[in-house]
Protein backbone atom coordinates (compact mmCIF):
# COMPACT_ATOMS: atom_id res chain seq x y z
CA UNK A 1 34.21 -28.01 -5.20
CA UNK A 2 36.14 -28.76 -8.37
CA UNK A 3 33.97 -26.30 -10.32
CA UNK A 4 35.14 -23.47 -8.05
CA UNK A 5 38.78 -24.60 -8.04
CA UNK A 6 38.71 -24.74 -4.25
CA UNK A 7 40.47 -27.14 -1.92
CA UNK A 8 38.64 -25.85 1.16
CA UNK A 9 35.89 -28.44 1.57
CA UNK A 10 34.74 -26.79 4.83
CA UNK A 11 33.47 -23.75 2.89
CA UNK A 12 30.99 -25.99 1.09
CA UNK A 13 29.57 -27.54 4.25
CA UNK A 14 27.07 -24.75 4.91
CA UNK A 15 25.57 -25.28 1.45
CA UNK A 16 25.32 -29.02 2.04
CA UNK A 17 23.71 -28.41 5.43
CA UNK A 18 21.26 -25.93 3.91
CA UNK A 19 20.28 -28.44 1.22
CA UNK A 20 19.83 -31.23 3.78
CA UNK A 21 17.71 -29.06 6.11
CA UNK A 22 15.45 -27.94 3.27
CA UNK A 23 14.92 -31.27 1.53
CA UNK A 24 11.58 -33.05 1.85
CA UNK A 25 11.63 -35.82 4.45
CA UNK A 26 9.08 -38.57 3.89
CA UNK A 27 8.94 -39.53 7.59
CA UNK A 28 7.82 -36.08 8.77
CA UNK A 29 6.15 -35.13 5.45
CA UNK A 30 8.06 -31.83 5.27
CA UNK A 31 11.58 -30.46 5.53
CA UNK A 32 13.43 -30.29 8.87
CA UNK A 33 13.49 -26.49 8.52
CA UNK A 34 9.69 -26.38 8.23
CA UNK A 35 9.32 -28.59 11.32
CA UNK A 36 11.65 -26.40 13.35
CA UNK A 37 10.43 -22.96 12.23
CA UNK A 38 6.88 -23.64 11.04
CA UNK A 39 7.40 -22.10 7.59
CA UNK A 40 9.26 -22.64 4.34
CA UNK A 41 12.72 -21.13 4.04
CA UNK A 42 13.02 -17.70 2.44
CA UNK A 43 16.14 -16.61 0.63
CA UNK A 44 17.63 -13.38 -0.64
CA UNK A 45 15.75 -10.12 -0.70
CA UNK A 46 12.48 -11.68 0.42
CA UNK A 47 13.87 -11.38 3.96
CA UNK A 48 14.64 -7.68 3.58
CA UNK A 49 12.48 -4.82 4.77
CA UNK A 50 11.87 -3.68 1.19
CA UNK A 51 8.20 -3.63 0.18
CA UNK A 52 7.12 -6.39 -2.19
CA UNK A 53 6.09 -3.95 -4.95
CA UNK A 54 9.66 -2.58 -5.01
CA UNK A 55 11.20 -6.07 -4.97
CA UNK A 56 9.23 -6.97 -8.11
CA UNK A 57 10.73 -4.03 -10.03
CA UNK A 58 14.39 -4.79 -9.23
CA UNK A 59 16.45 -6.07 -12.15
CA UNK A 60 20.01 -5.25 -11.12
CA UNK A 61 22.22 -4.25 -8.21
CA UNK A 62 21.94 -0.63 -9.32
CA UNK A 63 18.15 -0.84 -9.04
CA UNK A 64 18.54 -2.21 -5.51
CA UNK A 65 20.96 0.56 -4.52
CA UNK A 66 18.60 3.21 -5.91
CA UNK A 67 15.64 1.70 -4.03
CA UNK A 68 17.60 1.68 -0.77
CA UNK A 69 18.76 5.28 -1.26
CA UNK A 70 15.18 6.35 -2.03
CA UNK A 71 13.86 4.66 1.12
CA UNK A 72 16.64 6.22 3.23
CA UNK A 73 15.75 9.65 1.81
CA UNK A 74 12.06 9.12 2.57
CA UNK A 75 12.88 8.02 6.13
CA UNK A 76 15.12 11.08 6.60
CA UNK A 77 12.38 13.41 5.33
CA UNK A 78 9.82 11.78 7.63
CA UNK A 79 12.16 12.17 10.59
CA UNK A 80 12.73 15.84 9.73
CA UNK A 81 8.97 16.36 9.44
CA UNK A 82 8.42 14.77 12.86
CA UNK A 83 11.10 17.01 14.39
CA UNK A 84 9.49 20.09 12.82
CA UNK A 85 6.04 19.01 14.04
CA UNK A 86 7.42 18.50 17.56
CA UNK A 87 8.96 21.98 17.50
CA UNK A 88 5.68 23.53 16.34
CA UNK A 89 3.72 21.67 19.02
CA UNK A 90 6.21 22.79 21.65
CA UNK A 91 5.92 26.42 20.51
CA UNK A 92 2.11 26.25 20.50
CA UNK A 93 2.13 24.59 23.92
CA UNK A 94 4.46 27.25 25.34
CA UNK A 95 2.35 30.04 23.84
CA UNK A 96 -0.84 28.49 25.25
CA UNK A 97 0.72 28.15 28.72
CA UNK A 98 1.90 31.76 28.63
CA UNK A 99 -1.55 32.92 27.52
CA UNK A 100 -3.26 30.93 30.28
CA UNK A 101 -0.83 32.26 32.89
CA UNK A 102 -1.39 35.82 31.68
CA UNK A 103 -5.17 35.44 31.84
CA UNK A 104 -4.94 33.88 35.31
CA UNK A 105 -2.76 36.76 36.47
CA UNK A 106 -5.25 39.33 35.13
CA UNK A 107 -8.15 37.46 36.76
CA UNK A 108 -6.39 37.26 40.11
CA UNK A 109 -5.54 40.98 40.01
CA UNK A 110 -9.15 41.89 39.34
CA UNK A 111 -10.28 39.69 42.26
CA UNK A 112 -7.79 41.34 44.61
CA UNK A 113 -8.96 44.86 43.67
């Protein structure tokens, strides 16, 4: 607290609680966090949705921002591709239906004659 020149001791409580919950406890042979959640605690970007191979290449905040922008661009392009594919499928489906209806109409006319 004195290192940060802060008089607000309550702001430091969450860090104390985190340390206490992640410290090894000899009675239960693991940390309280591990007992409760069944795994070791993960911090920082390891919890993000970024792939591990990208996380290993990050060296600065700018690298992180670029990685996020790249992933957003890829997701946008994939969404656009899906929309275009849906439109093409809809057009093909409509054309197929029209063709089938036309053939059925021709067949029914020839039966009636």
